[in-house]
Amino acid sequence: MIGGWWWLALACAGAPESPSEPAGWGALRPTQGKKYQVELSLTPEPPVMGELFRVDAHVTHPDGTPLDAGKVKLNALMPQHGHGMATEPQMDPGQCTEEKKCTHPDGKYWAEGFKFHMGGAWTITVEVEGPLGPDSTSFVYEMPG
């Protein structure tokens, strides 16, 4: 479940009150502060209601250079219902060295353990920490009910 601080952070990030999504769900878009660009995909696509699936994020700098040394957090919630998922997605750590430095070749980040337990508009949030500072964006996925 999502704690109270998450709603405040999401509200400050400008999450949509009534979800709408331009054509081409998951298509490349800039983060809110235009520090990065993000593209999303789901595996399987479409996800099956009540079953686990994976979310992949391709993250780049504005010039298209992959963000290979950043941190990305992926999550989902239903703002209209005031709840998140019953699962906590686990992020791929990337390729890590003994010095605890982790990289994500080609700017590819992913998390497993997403589960949409009901139909409706789900907001998938993407929080990025990179050399240009933190930034975020969100994508609205309409899960058939």
N, C-alpha and C. Protein backbone atom coordinates (compact mmCIF):
# COMPACT_ATOMS: atom_id res chain seq x y z
N MET A 1 0.84 -1.19 0.00
CA MET A 1 0.00 0.00 0.00
C MET A 1 0.87 1.24 0.00
N ILE A 2 0.29 2.33 -0.38
CA ILE A 2 1.04 3.56 -0.53
C ILE A 2 0.76 4.44 0.68
N GLY A 3 1.87 4.93 1.29
CA GLY A 3 1.75 5.75 2.48
C GLY A 3 1.33 7.17 2.16
N GLY A 4 1.03 7.94 3.19
CA GLY A 4 0.56 9.30 3.02
C GLY A 4 1.57 10.21 2.33
N TRP A 5 2.87 10.02 2.57
CA TRP A 5 3.87 10.85 1.92
C TRP A 5 3.82 10.69 0.42
N TRP A 6 3.45 9.50 -0.06
CA TRP A 6 3.41 9.25 -1.51
C TRP A 6 2.37 10.15 -2.17
N TRP A 7 1.20 10.28 -1.54
CA TRP A 7 0.15 11.12 -2.13
C TRP A 7 0.61 12.57 -2.21
N LEU A 8 1.31 13.05 -1.19
CA LEU A 8 1.81 14.42 -1.20
C LEU A 8 2.83 14.58 -2.32
N ALA A 9 3.76 13.63 -2.44
CA ALA A 9 4.76 13.70 -3.50
C ALA A 9 4.11 13.64 -4.86
N LEU A 10 3.10 12.80 -5.02
CA LEU A 10 2.43 12.66 -6.29
C LEU A 10 1.65 13.93 -6.61
N ALA A 11 1.01 14.51 -5.60
CA ALA A 11 0.25 15.74 -5.83
C ALA A 11 1.20 16.86 -6.25
N CYS A 12 2.37 16.93 -5.62
CA CYS A 12 3.34 17.95 -5.99
C CYS A 12 3.91 17.70 -7.38
N ALA A 13 3.95 16.44 -7.78
CA ALA A 13 4.47 16.09 -9.10
C ALA A 13 3.45 16.34 -10.19
N GLY A 14 2.24 16.66 -9.82
CA GLY A 14 1.23 16.99 -10.81
C GLY A 14 0.55 15.79 -11.42
N ALA A 15 0.28 14.76 -10.65
CA ALA A 15 -0.41 13.59 -11.18
C ALA A 15 -1.81 14.00 -11.65
N PRO A 16 -2.26 13.39 -12.72
CA PRO A 16 -3.57 13.78 -13.25
C PRO A 16 -4.69 13.44 -12.30
N GLU A 17 -5.66 14.37 -12.15
CA GLU A 17 -6.82 14.09 -11.31
C GLU A 17 -7.78 13.17 -12.03
N SER A 18 -8.00 13.43 -13.30
CA SER A 18 -8.84 12.53 -14.09
C SER A 18 -7.96 12.03 -15.24
N PRO A 19 -7.54 10.77 -15.14
CA PRO A 19 -6.56 10.25 -16.08
C PRO A 19 -7.01 10.35 -17.54
N SER A 20 -6.07 10.72 -18.34
CA SER A 20 -6.26 10.68 -19.78
C SER A 20 -4.89 10.40 -20.38
N GLU A 21 -4.87 9.78 -21.50
CA GLU A 21 -3.60 9.39 -22.10
C GLU A 21 -3.66 9.68 -23.58
N PRO A 22 -2.60 10.35 -24.11
CA PRO A 22 -2.58 10.57 -25.54
C PRO A 22 -2.46 9.24 -26.28
N ALA A 23 -2.73 9.27 -27.57
CA ALA A 23 -2.61 8.06 -28.38
C ALA A 23 -1.20 7.50 -28.24
N GLY A 24 -1.07 6.19 -28.27
CA GLY A 24 0.23 5.55 -28.17
C GLY A 24 0.69 5.40 -26.74
N TRP A 25 -0.07 4.65 -25.96
CA TRP A 25 0.27 4.46 -24.55
C TRP A 25 1.73 4.03 -24.42
N GLY A 26 2.43 4.60 -23.47
CA GLY A 26 3.81 4.23 -23.18
C GLY A 26 4.83 4.88 -24.10
N ALA A 27 4.36 5.69 -25.06
CA ALA A 27 5.27 6.33 -26.02
C ALA A 27 6.23 7.27 -25.32
N LEU A 28 7.38 7.49 -25.94
CA LEU A 28 8.41 8.35 -25.40
C LEU A 28 7.86 9.73 -25.06
N ARG A 29 8.15 10.18 -23.83
CA ARG A 29 7.71 11.51 -23.38
C ARG A 29 8.74 12.07 -22.42
N PRO A 30 8.82 13.40 -22.34
CA PRO A 30 9.75 14.01 -21.38
C PRO A 30 9.19 13.91 -19.97
N THR A 31 10.09 13.92 -18.99
CA THR A 31 9.66 14.03 -17.60
C THR A 31 9.16 15.45 -17.38
N GLN A 32 8.53 15.70 -16.24
CA GLN A 32 7.89 16.99 -16.00
C GLN A 32 8.86 18.16 -16.09
N GLY A 33 10.08 17.97 -15.56
CA GLY A 33 11.07 19.04 -15.61
C GLY A 33 11.92 19.00 -16.88
N LYS A 34 11.58 18.08 -17.78
CA LYS A 34 12.26 17.92 -19.08
C LYS A 34 13.74 17.55 -18.93
N LYS A 35 14.09 16.90 -17.79
CA LYS A 35 15.47 16.47 -17.58
C LYS A 35 15.78 15.15 -18.27
N TYR A 36 14.75 14.32 -18.45
CA TYR A 36 14.92 12.99 -19.04
C TYR A 36 13.73 12.69 -19.95
N GLN A 37 13.84 11.60 -20.68
CA GLN A 37 12.74 11.10 -21.49
C GLN A 37 12.49 9.65 -21.08
N VAL A 38 11.23 9.23 -21.09
CA VAL A 38 10.87 7.89 -20.64
C VAL A 38 9.91 7.25 -21.64
N GLU A 39 10.10 5.97 -21.87
CA GLU A 39 9.19 5.16 -22.68
C GLU A 39 8.89 3.91 -21.88
N LEU A 40 7.63 3.49 -21.82
CA LEU A 40 7.23 2.32 -21.04
C LEU A 40 6.68 1.21 -21.92
N SER A 41 6.85 -0.03 -21.43
CA SER A 41 6.19 -1.18 -22.04
C SER A 41 5.87 -2.17 -20.92
N LEU A 42 4.88 -3.04 -21.16
CA LEU A 42 4.45 -4.04 -20.19
C LEU A 42 4.68 -5.43 -20.76
N THR A 43 5.02 -6.38 -19.88
CA THR A 43 5.17 -7.78 -20.28
C THR A 43 4.41 -8.64 -19.28
N PRO A 44 3.36 -9.35 -19.69
CA PRO A 44 2.82 -9.37 -21.05
C PRO A 44 2.01 -8.11 -21.33
N GLU A 45 1.81 -7.84 -22.61
CA GLU A 45 0.99 -6.71 -23.05
C GLU A 45 -0.17 -7.26 -23.87
N PRO A 46 -1.37 -7.11 -23.45
CA PRO A 46 -1.81 -6.44 -22.23
C PRO A 46 -1.64 -7.36 -21.02
N PRO A 47 -1.53 -6.76 -19.84
CA PRO A 47 -1.46 -7.59 -18.64
C PRO A 47 -2.80 -8.28 -18.38
N VAL A 48 -2.74 -9.39 -17.67
CA VAL A 48 -3.96 -10.13 -17.31
C VAL A 48 -4.38 -9.68 -15.91
N MET A 49 -5.65 -9.30 -15.76
CA MET A 49 -6.12 -8.84 -14.46
C MET A 49 -5.88 -9.91 -13.39
N GLY A 50 -5.30 -9.46 -12.28
CA GLY A 50 -5.06 -10.35 -11.15
C GLY A 50 -3.79 -11.19 -11.28
N GLU A 51 -3.01 -11.00 -12.35
CA GLU A 51 -1.76 -11.74 -12.52
C GLU A 51 -0.58 -10.79 -12.56
N LEU A 52 0.57 -11.30 -12.10
CA LEU A 52 1.77 -10.47 -12.06
C LEU A 52 2.27 -10.15 -13.46
N PHE A 53 2.83 -8.94 -13.62
CA PHE A 53 3.46 -8.57 -14.87
C PHE A 53 4.64 -7.65 -14.59
N ARG A 54 5.36 -7.33 -15.64
CA ARG A 54 6.59 -6.55 -15.55
C ARG A 54 6.40 -5.23 -16.30
N VAL A 55 7.03 -4.17 -15.78
CA VAL A 55 7.04 -2.87 -16.44
C VAL A 55 8.49 -2.55 -16.81
N ASP A 56 8.72 -2.24 -18.08
CA ASP A 56 10.04 -1.84 -18.57
C ASP A 56 10.03 -0.35 -18.87
N ALA A 57 11.09 0.34 -18.46
CA ALA A 57 11.23 1.77 -18.73
C ALA A 57 12.55 1.99 -19.46
N HIS A 58 12.48 2.65 -20.59
CA HIS A 58 13.68 3.06 -21.30
C HIS A 58 13.85 4.54 -21.01
N VAL A 59 14.97 4.90 -20.35
CA VAL A 59 15.18 6.27 -19.88
C VAL A 59 16.41 6.85 -20.58
N THR A 60 16.25 8.05 -21.13
CA THR A 60 17.34 8.73 -21.82
C THR A 60 17.44 10.19 -21.36
N HIS A 61 18.56 10.79 -21.69
CA HIS A 61 18.71 12.24 -21.55
C HIS A 61 17.90 12.88 -22.68
N PRO A 62 17.65 14.18 -22.62
CA PRO A 62 16.87 14.84 -23.67
C PRO A 62 17.44 14.65 -25.08
N ASP A 63 18.77 14.48 -25.19
CA ASP A 63 19.37 14.30 -26.50
C ASP A 63 19.31 12.85 -27.01
N GLY A 64 18.67 11.97 -26.21
CA GLY A 64 18.52 10.57 -26.60
C GLY A 64 19.60 9.65 -26.09
N THR A 65 20.62 10.19 -25.41
CA THR A 65 21.67 9.36 -24.81
C THR A 65 21.08 8.56 -23.66
N PRO A 66 21.29 7.24 -23.61
CA PRO A 66 20.73 6.42 -22.53
C PRO A 66 21.21 6.85 -21.15
N LEU A 67 20.31 6.84 -20.18
CA LEU A 67 20.67 7.09 -18.78
C LEU A 67 21.07 5.74 -18.21
N ASP A 68 22.36 5.44 -18.25
CA ASP A 68 22.81 4.12 -17.80
C ASP A 68 23.31 4.10 -16.37
N ALA A 69 23.47 5.26 -15.75
CA ALA A 69 23.96 5.29 -14.37
C ALA A 69 23.03 6.10 -13.48
N GLY A 70 21.76 5.77 -13.51
CA GLY A 70 20.79 6.48 -12.68
C GLY A 70 20.02 5.50 -11.82
N LYS A 71 19.01 6.01 -11.16
CA LYS A 71 18.10 5.17 -10.39
C LYS A 71 16.68 5.50 -10.84
N VAL A 72 15.88 4.46 -10.99
CA VAL A 72 14.50 4.63 -11.43
C VAL A 72 13.60 3.84 -10.50
N LYS A 73 12.49 4.42 -10.09
CA LYS A 73 11.49 3.73 -9.28
C LYS A 73 10.19 3.73 -10.05
N LEU A 74 9.57 2.56 -10.16
CA LEU A 74 8.30 2.39 -10.86
C LEU A 74 7.24 1.94 -9.86
N ASN A 75 6.03 2.48 -9.98
CA ASN A 75 4.94 2.08 -9.10
C ASN A 75 3.62 2.38 -9.82
N ALA A 76 2.52 1.92 -9.27
CA ALA A 76 1.21 2.17 -9.87
C ALA A 76 0.17 2.38 -8.78
N LEU A 77 -0.83 3.22 -9.12
CA LEU A 77 -1.93 3.47 -8.20
C LEU A 77 -3.16 3.87 -9.00
N MET A 78 -4.30 3.86 -8.33
CA MET A 78 -5.57 4.30 -8.91
C MET A 78 -6.01 5.56 -8.15
N PRO A 79 -5.65 6.74 -8.65
CA PRO A 79 -6.00 7.97 -7.91
C PRO A 79 -7.49 8.13 -7.66
N GLN A 80 -8.35 7.70 -8.60
CA GLN A 80 -9.79 7.88 -8.42
C GLN A 80 -10.33 7.03 -7.28
N HIS A 81 -9.64 5.94 -6.96
CA HIS A 81 -10.09 5.05 -5.89
C HIS A 81 -9.28 5.24 -4.61
N GLY A 82 -8.20 6.00 -4.68
CA GLY A 82 -7.40 6.27 -3.50
C GLY A 82 -6.58 5.09 -3.01
N HIS A 83 -6.14 4.22 -3.93
CA HIS A 83 -5.32 3.08 -3.50
C HIS A 83 -4.29 2.73 -4.55
N GLY A 84 -3.33 1.95 -4.10
CA GLY A 84 -2.31 1.42 -4.99
C GLY A 84 -2.55 -0.06 -5.23
N MET A 85 -1.48 -0.74 -5.54
CA MET A 85 -1.56 -2.18 -5.76
C MET A 85 -1.41 -2.91 -4.43
N ALA A 86 -1.79 -4.17 -4.43
CA ALA A 86 -1.60 -5.02 -3.25
C ALA A 86 -0.20 -5.64 -3.27
N THR A 87 0.57 -5.37 -4.30
CA THR A 87 1.94 -5.90 -4.42
C THR A 87 2.93 -4.74 -4.41
N GLU A 88 4.19 -5.05 -4.12
CA GLU A 88 5.26 -4.05 -4.18
C GLU A 88 6.25 -4.49 -5.25
N PRO A 89 6.28 -3.81 -6.38
CA PRO A 89 7.19 -4.19 -7.45
C PRO A 89 8.65 -4.13 -7.00
N GLN A 90 9.45 -5.04 -7.51
CA GLN A 90 10.87 -5.11 -7.19
C GLN A 90 11.67 -4.65 -8.40
N MET A 91 12.50 -3.63 -8.21
CA MET A 91 13.31 -3.09 -9.29
C MET A 91 14.52 -3.97 -9.56
N ASP A 92 14.88 -4.09 -10.82
CA ASP A 92 16.11 -4.75 -11.23
C ASP A 92 17.28 -3.88 -10.79
N PRO A 93 18.28 -4.45 -10.08
CA PRO A 93 19.40 -3.63 -9.62
C PRO A 93 20.34 -3.22 -10.73
N GLY A 94 20.25 -3.84 -11.89
CA GLY A 94 21.18 -3.54 -12.97
C GLY A 94 22.44 -4.38 -12.84
N GLN A 95 23.49 -3.95 -13.50
CA GLN A 95 24.77 -4.64 -13.42
C GLN A 95 25.63 -3.90 -12.41
N CYS A 96 25.89 -4.56 -11.26
CA CYS A 96 26.56 -3.89 -10.15
C CYS A 96 27.98 -4.41 -9.96
N THR A 97 28.86 -3.49 -9.56
CA THR A 97 30.25 -3.84 -9.27
C THR A 97 30.43 -3.99 -7.78
N GLU A 98 31.62 -4.42 -7.38
CA GLU A 98 31.91 -4.57 -5.94
C GLU A 98 31.85 -3.23 -5.22
N GLU A 99 32.06 -2.15 -5.95
CA GLU A 99 32.02 -0.81 -5.34
C GLU A 99 30.58 -0.33 -5.17
N LYS A 100 29.61 -1.20 -5.43
CA LYS A 100 28.18 -0.90 -5.31
C LYS A 100 27.69 0.08 -6.37
N LYS A 101 28.48 0.26 -7.43
CA LYS A 101 28.02 1.10 -8.53
C LYS A 101 27.24 0.21 -9.49
N CYS A 102 26.03 0.64 -9.80
CA CYS A 102 25.18 -0.15 -10.68
C CYS A 102 24.89 0.63 -11.96
N THR A 103 24.87 -0.09 -13.07
CA THR A 103 24.56 0.54 -14.34
C THR A 103 23.42 -0.22 -15.02
N HIS A 104 22.76 0.46 -15.91
CA HIS A 104 21.66 -0.12 -16.69
C HIS A 104 21.98 0.13 -18.15
N PRO A 105 22.63 -0.85 -18.80
CA PRO A 105 23.01 -0.66 -20.20
C PRO A 105 21.84 -0.21 -21.07
N ASP A 106 22.12 0.72 -21.93
CA ASP A 106 21.14 1.27 -22.88
C ASP A 106 19.97 1.98 -22.19
N GLY A 107 20.11 2.33 -20.90
CA GLY A 107 19.04 3.05 -20.20
C GLY A 107 17.81 2.22 -19.94
N LYS A 108 17.98 0.89 -19.85
CA LYS A 108 16.83 0.00 -19.67
C LYS A 108 16.69 -0.38 -18.19
N TYR A 109 15.54 -0.02 -17.61
CA TYR A 109 15.21 -0.29 -16.22
C TYR A 109 13.91 -1.09 -16.22
N TRP A 110 13.73 -1.96 -15.22
CA TRP A 110 12.48 -2.70 -15.15
C TRP A 110 12.17 -3.11 -13.73
N ALA A 111 10.89 -3.39 -13.51
CA ALA A 111 10.43 -3.86 -12.20
C ALA A 111 9.42 -4.97 -12.43
N GLU A 112 9.50 -6.00 -11.60
CA GLU A 112 8.55 -7.11 -11.64
C GLU A 112 7.66 -7.06 -10.41
N GLY A 113 6.49 -7.65 -10.53
CA GLY A 113 5.59 -7.74 -9.39
C GLY A 113 4.43 -6.78 -9.42
N PHE A 114 4.15 -6.20 -10.58
CA PHE A 114 2.96 -5.36 -10.72
C PHE A 114 1.75 -6.29 -10.84
N LYS A 115 0.63 -5.86 -10.29
CA LYS A 115 -0.62 -6.62 -10.44
C LYS A 115 -1.79 -5.66 -10.37
N PHE A 116 -2.55 -5.58 -11.46
CA PHE A 116 -3.77 -4.78 -11.47
C PHE A 116 -4.90 -5.70 -11.06
N HIS A 117 -5.50 -5.43 -9.90
CA HIS A 117 -6.53 -6.32 -9.36
C HIS A 117 -7.95 -5.86 -9.71
N MET A 118 -8.06 -4.76 -10.47
CA MET A 118 -9.38 -4.31 -10.90
C MET A 118 -9.25 -3.48 -12.16
N GLY A 119 -10.34 -3.42 -12.92
CA GLY A 119 -10.34 -2.62 -14.13
C GLY A 119 -10.45 -1.14 -13.82
N GLY A 120 -9.99 -0.33 -14.74
CA GLY A 120 -10.04 1.11 -14.58
C GLY A 120 -8.72 1.75 -14.92
N ALA A 121 -8.60 3.04 -14.63
CA ALA A 121 -7.41 3.81 -14.95
C ALA A 121 -6.35 3.66 -13.86
N TRP A 122 -5.22 3.10 -14.22
CA TRP A 122 -4.07 2.94 -13.33
C TRP A 122 -2.99 3.93 -13.76
N THR A 123 -2.45 4.68 -12.82
CA THR A 123 -1.37 5.61 -13.09
C THR A 123 -0.05 4.95 -12.72
N ILE A 124 0.80 4.72 -13.72
CA ILE A 124 2.13 4.17 -13.48
C ILE A 124 3.09 5.34 -13.37
N THR A 125 3.72 5.47 -12.21
CA THR A 125 4.64 6.57 -11.96
C THR A 125 6.07 6.13 -12.20
N VAL A 126 6.87 7.06 -12.71
CA VAL A 126 8.29 6.82 -12.98
C VAL A 126 9.07 7.94 -12.30
N GLU A 127 9.84 7.59 -11.29
CA GLU A 127 10.70 8.56 -10.60
C GLU A 127 12.12 8.29 -11.03
N VAL A 128 12.80 9.33 -11.53
CA VAL A 128 14.16 9.19 -12.05
C VAL A 128 15.12 10.03 -11.22
N GLU A 129 16.24 9.43 -10.84
CA GLU A 129 17.34 10.15 -10.21
C GLU A 129 18.54 9.95 -11.11
N GLY A 130 19.09 11.06 -11.61
CA GLY A 130 20.23 10.98 -12.50
C GLY A 130 21.11 12.20 -12.35
N PRO A 131 22.10 12.33 -13.23
CA PRO A 131 23.05 13.43 -13.11
C PRO A 131 22.43 14.82 -13.27
N LEU A 132 21.27 14.92 -13.89
CA LEU A 132 20.59 16.21 -14.04
C LEU A 132 19.64 16.50 -12.88
N GLY A 133 19.63 15.61 -11.85
CA GLY A 133 18.76 15.78 -10.70
C GLY A 133 17.53 14.91 -10.80
N PRO A 134 16.68 14.93 -9.78
CA PRO A 134 15.47 14.10 -9.79
C PRO A 134 14.39 14.70 -10.70
N ASP A 135 13.59 13.83 -11.27
CA ASP A 135 12.46 14.25 -12.10
C ASP A 135 11.51 13.07 -12.20
N SER A 136 10.31 13.29 -12.69
CA SER A 136 9.34 12.19 -12.75
C SER A 136 8.31 12.43 -13.86
N THR A 137 7.59 11.39 -14.15
CA THR A 137 6.46 11.46 -15.07
C THR A 137 5.51 10.34 -14.72
N SER A 138 4.36 10.33 -15.36
CA SER A 138 3.41 9.24 -15.13
C SER A 138 2.70 8.92 -16.42
N PHE A 139 2.25 7.68 -16.51
CA PHE A 139 1.52 7.16 -17.66
C PHE A 139 0.23 6.56 -17.14
N VAL A 140 -0.88 6.78 -17.83
CA VAL A 140 -2.15 6.21 -17.41
C VAL A 140 -2.46 5.01 -18.30
N TYR A 141 -2.68 3.87 -17.65
CA TYR A 141 -3.02 2.64 -18.37
C TYR A 141 -4.46 2.28 -18.04
N GLU A 142 -5.28 2.12 -19.04
CA GLU A 142 -6.69 1.76 -18.83
C GLU A 142 -6.82 0.25 -18.86
N MET A 143 -7.03 -0.35 -17.67
CA MET A 143 -7.17 -1.80 -17.56
C MET A 143 -8.63 -2.15 -17.80
N PRO A 144 -8.89 -2.95 -18.84
CA PRO A 144 -10.28 -3.35 -19.09
C PRO A 144 -10.86 -4.08 -17.89
N GLY A 145 -12.10 -3.83 -17.60
CA GLY A 145 -12.73 -4.46 -16.44
C GLY A 145 -13.71 -5.41 -16.87
